Amino acid sequence: MFLIRFIFYFTLSFAILCIPIGNERQLFDKLYALVTPYAKDAVKTTKQKISSTKRYSKKLYSNSEPAQETNEDQVKSKMSSVSKKKIIKNNNIPPDDIYTEEEQERLRRVLSEE
């Protein structure tokens, strides 16, 4: 339906614009002569706005990244957050926790259910 309406209105518009006005000029030529200065101004303004937007975007983007130096980052040992950790060796020593007989039985039940 859309395509049929489009073709109909396009044909109607084309027929209206082809009506001769005089001196072998059509209505389209007269409208073209009237609209051309405004269209050129609109295109010129649009191009200026696009170029200024490009410049502004490049400026904004270039300011968003920090300046990178050629030297690599270095960490001073005094400023480092890495600390040496004590290594705990497991020598099969039983834990220091002391469980009652009842607690041991509950632990066995819980472990056997899994």
C-alpha atoms as a PDB file:
ATOM      1  CA  MET A   1       0.000   0.000   0.000  1.00  0.00           C
ATOM      2  CA  PHE A   2       2.832   2.370   0.892  1.00  0.00           C
ATOM      3  CA  LEU A   3       4.593   1.745  -2.400  1.00  0.00           C
ATOM      4  CA  ILE A   4       1.441   2.429  -4.414  1.00  0.00           C
ATOM      5  CA  ARG A   5       0.806   5.712  -2.549  1.00  0.00           C
ATOM      6  CA  PHE A   6       4.444   6.741  -2.999  1.00  0.00           C
ATOM      7  CA  ILE A   7       4.365   6.102  -6.750  1.00  0.00           C
ATOM      8  CA  PHE A   8       1.050   7.971  -7.085  1.00  0.00           C
ATOM      9  CA  TYR A   9       2.247  11.066  -5.179  1.00  0.00           C
ATOM     10  CA  PHE A  10       5.617  11.055  -6.930  1.00  0.00           C
ATOM     11  CA  THR A  11       3.944  10.944 -10.353  1.00  0.00           C
ATOM     12  CA  LEU A  12       1.490  13.676  -9.361  1.00  0.00           C
ATOM     13  CA  SER A  13       4.289  15.921  -8.056  1.00  0.00           C
ATOM     14  CA  PHE A  14       6.365  15.325 -11.172  1.00  0.00           C
ATOM     15  CA  ALA A  15       3.399  16.178 -13.418  1.00  0.00           C
ATOM     16  CA  ILE A  16       2.686  19.391 -11.498  1.00  0.00           C
ATOM     17  CA  LEU A  17       6.335  20.495 -11.614  1.00  0.00           C
ATOM     18  CA  CYS A  18       6.475  19.895 -15.375  1.00  0.00           C
ATOM     19  CA  ILE A  19       3.643  22.368 -16.133  1.00  0.00           C
ATOM     20  CA  PRO A  20       4.982  25.016 -18.526  1.00  0.00           C
ATOM     21  CA  ILE A  21       4.719  28.584 -17.219  1.00  0.00           C
ATOM     22  CA  GLY A  22       6.015  30.519 -20.199  1.00  0.00           C
ATOM     23  CA  ASN A  23       9.122  31.165 -22.245  1.00  0.00           C
ATOM     24  CA  GLU A  24       9.689  27.383 -22.361  1.00  0.00           C
ATOM     25  CA  ARG A  25      10.197  27.265 -18.598  1.00  0.00           C
ATOM     26  CA  GLN A  26       8.515  24.826 -16.285  1.00  0.00           C
ATOM     27  CA  LEU A  27       7.240  25.360 -12.774  1.00  0.00           C
ATOM     28  CA  PHE A  28      10.224  23.351 -11.482  1.00  0.00           C
ATOM     29  CA  ASP A  29      12.692  25.813 -13.029  1.00  0.00           C
ATOM     30  CA  LYS A  30      10.925  28.765 -11.392  1.00  0.00           C
ATOM     31  CA  LEU A  31      10.864  27.041  -7.985  1.00  0.00           C
ATOM     32  CA  TYR A  32      14.488  25.972  -8.409  1.00  0.00           C
ATOM     33  CA  ALA A  33      15.551  29.562  -9.096  1.00  0.00           C
ATOM     34  CA  LEU A  34      13.703  30.748  -5.976  1.00  0.00           C
ATOM     35  CA  VAL A  35      14.977  28.034  -3.611  1.00  0.00           C
ATOM     36  CA  THR A  36      18.602  27.739  -4.790  1.00  0.00           C
ATOM     37  CA  PRO A  37      20.079  30.648  -2.730  1.00  0.00           C
ATOM     38  CA  TYR A  38      18.451  29.381   0.462  1.00  0.00           C
ATOM     39  CA  ALA A  39      19.556  25.816  -0.227  1.00  0.00           C
ATOM     40  CA  LYS A  40      23.143  26.939  -0.823  1.00  0.00           C
ATOM     41  CA  ASP A  41      23.120  28.893   2.446  1.00  0.00           C
ATOM     42  CA  ALA A  42      21.729  25.878   4.285  1.00  0.00           C
ATOM     43  CA  VAL A  43      24.398  23.573   2.840  1.00  0.00           C
ATOM     44  CA  LYS A  44      27.167  26.088   3.635  1.00  0.00           C
ATOM     45  CA  THR A  45      25.958  26.506   7.232  1.00  0.00           C
ATOM     46  CA  THR A  46      25.671  22.755   7.676  1.00  0.00           C
ATOM     47  CA  LYS A  47      29.227  22.203   6.421  1.00  0.00           C
ATOM     48  CA  GLN A  48      30.527  24.881   8.808  1.00  0.00           C
ATOM     49  CA  LYS A  49      28.687  23.336  11.752  1.00  0.00           C
ATOM     50  CA  ILE A  50      30.009  19.872  10.901  1.00  0.00           C
ATOM     51  CA  SER A  51      33.596  21.108  10.602  1.00  0.00           C
ATOM     52  CA  SER A  52      33.378  23.023  13.897  1.00  0.00           C
ATOM     53  CA  THR A  53      31.861  19.968  15.564  1.00  0.00           C
ATOM     54  CA  LYS A  54      34.736  17.843  14.239  1.00  0.00           C
ATOM     55  CA  ARG A  55      37.308  20.294  15.577  1.00  0.00           C
ATOM     56  CA  TYR A  56      35.586  20.473  18.947  1.00  0.00           C
ATOM     57  CA  SER A  57      35.295  16.667  19.142  1.00  0.00           C
ATOM     58  CA  LYS A  58      38.979  16.191  18.316  1.00  0.00           C
ATOM     59  CA  LYS A  59      39.944  18.796  20.897  1.00  0.00           C
ATOM     60  CA  LEU A  60      37.698  17.202  23.503  1.00  0.00           C
ATOM     61  CA  TYR A  61      39.039  13.719  22.753  1.00  0.00           C
ATOM     62  CA  SER A  62      42.677  14.792  22.768  1.00  0.00           C
ATOM     63  CA  ASN A  63      42.182  16.418  26.180  1.00  0.00           C
ATOM     64  CA  SER A  64      40.498  13.336  27.603  1.00  0.00           C
ATOM     65  CA  GLU A  65      43.618  11.172  27.455  1.00  0.00           C
ATOM     66  CA  PRO A  66      46.567  11.906  29.707  1.00  0.00           C
ATOM     67  CA  ALA A  67      49.821  12.765  27.998  1.00  0.00           C
ATOM     68  CA  GLN A  68      51.932   9.634  27.732  1.00  0.00           C
ATOM     69  CA  GLU A  69      55.606   9.842  28.402  1.00  0.00           C
ATOM     70  CA  THR A  70      58.101   7.624  26.698  1.00  0.00           C
ATOM     71  CA  ASN A  71      59.456   6.395  30.054  1.00  0.00           C
ATOM     72  CA  GLU A  72      57.849   3.355  31.594  1.00  0.00           C
ATOM     73  CA  ASP A  73      56.179   3.478  34.987  1.00  0.00           C
ATOM     74  CA  GLN A  74      58.411   2.680  37.911  1.00  0.00           C
ATOM     75  CA  VAL A  75      57.497   1.708  41.437  1.00  0.00           C
ATOM     76  CA  LYS A  76      59.755   2.685  44.277  1.00  0.00           C
ATOM     77  CA  SER A  77      60.204  -0.059  46.832  1.00  0.00           C
ATOM     78  CA  LYS A  78      59.274   2.155  49.784  1.00  0.00           C
ATOM     79  CA  MET A  79      56.030   3.140  48.115  1.00  0.00           C
ATOM     80  CA  SER A  80      55.068  -0.378  47.101  1.00  0.00           C
ATOM     81  CA  SER A  81      52.028  -1.977  48.654  1.00  0.00           C
ATOM     82  CA  VAL A  82      53.376  -5.484  48.277  1.00  0.00           C
ATOM     83  CA  SER A  83      54.447  -6.971  51.582  1.00  0.00           C
ATOM     84  CA  LYS A  84      56.105 -10.261  52.299  1.00  0.00           C
ATOM     85  CA  LYS A  85      53.784 -12.821  53.753  1.00  0.00           C
ATOM     86  CA  LYS A  86      54.725 -15.408  56.252  1.00  0.00           C
ATOM     87  CA  ILE A  87      54.676 -18.861  54.724  1.00  0.00           C
ATOM     88  CA  ILE A  88      52.856 -21.366  56.887  1.00  0.00           C
ATOM     89  CA  LYS A  89      54.046 -24.921  56.604  1.00  0.00           C
ATOM     90  CA  ASN A  90      51.669 -27.724  57.345  1.00  0.00           C
ATOM     91  CA  ASN A  91      53.436 -30.488  59.249  1.00  0.00           C
ATOM     92  CA  ASN A  92      50.288 -32.524  59.888  1.00  0.00           C
ATOM     93  CA  ILE A  93      49.844 -30.921  63.253  1.00  0.00           C
ATOM     94  CA  PRO A  94      46.298 -31.134  64.545  1.00  0.00           C
ATOM     95  CA  PRO A  95      44.497 -27.826  64.873  1.00  0.00           C
ATOM     96  CA  ASP A  96      44.497 -25.981  68.138  1.00  0.00           C
ATOM     97  CA  ASP A  97      40.704 -26.174  68.305  1.00  0.00           C
ATOM     98  CA  ILE A  98      39.334 -28.568  70.841  1.00  0.00           C
ATOM     99  CA  TYR A  99      35.949 -30.072  70.107  1.00  0.00           C
ATOM    100  CA  THR A 100      33.719 -31.849  72.522  1.00  0.00           C
ATOM    101  CA  GLU A 101      32.529 -35.320  71.743  1.00  0.00           C
ATOM    102  CA  GLU A 102      29.074 -33.999  70.818  1.00  0.00           C
ATOM    103  CA  GLU A 103      30.533 -31.414  68.396  1.00  0.00           C
ATOM    104  CA  GLN A 104      32.712 -34.030  66.757  1.00  0.00           C
ATOM    105  CA  GLU A 105      29.658 -36.245  66.224  1.00  0.00           C
ATOM    106  CA  ARG A 106      27.744 -33.364  64.621  1.00  0.00           C
ATOM    107  CA  LEU A 107      30.677 -32.626  62.318  1.00  0.00           C
ATOM    108  CA  ARG A 108      30.836 -36.256  61.245  1.00  0.00           C
ATOM    109  CA  ARG A 109      27.106 -36.223  60.428  1.00  0.00           C
ATOM    110  CA  VAL A 110      27.394 -33.001  58.430  1.00  0.00           C
ATOM    111  CA  LEU A 111      30.378 -34.290  56.500  1.00  0.00           C
ATOM    112  CA  SER A 112      28.773 -37.659  55.814  1.00  0.00           C
ATOM    113  CA  GLU A 113      25.605 -36.011  54.391  1.00  0.00           C
ATOM    114  CA  GLU A 114      27.542 -34.374  51.597  1.00  0.00           C
END
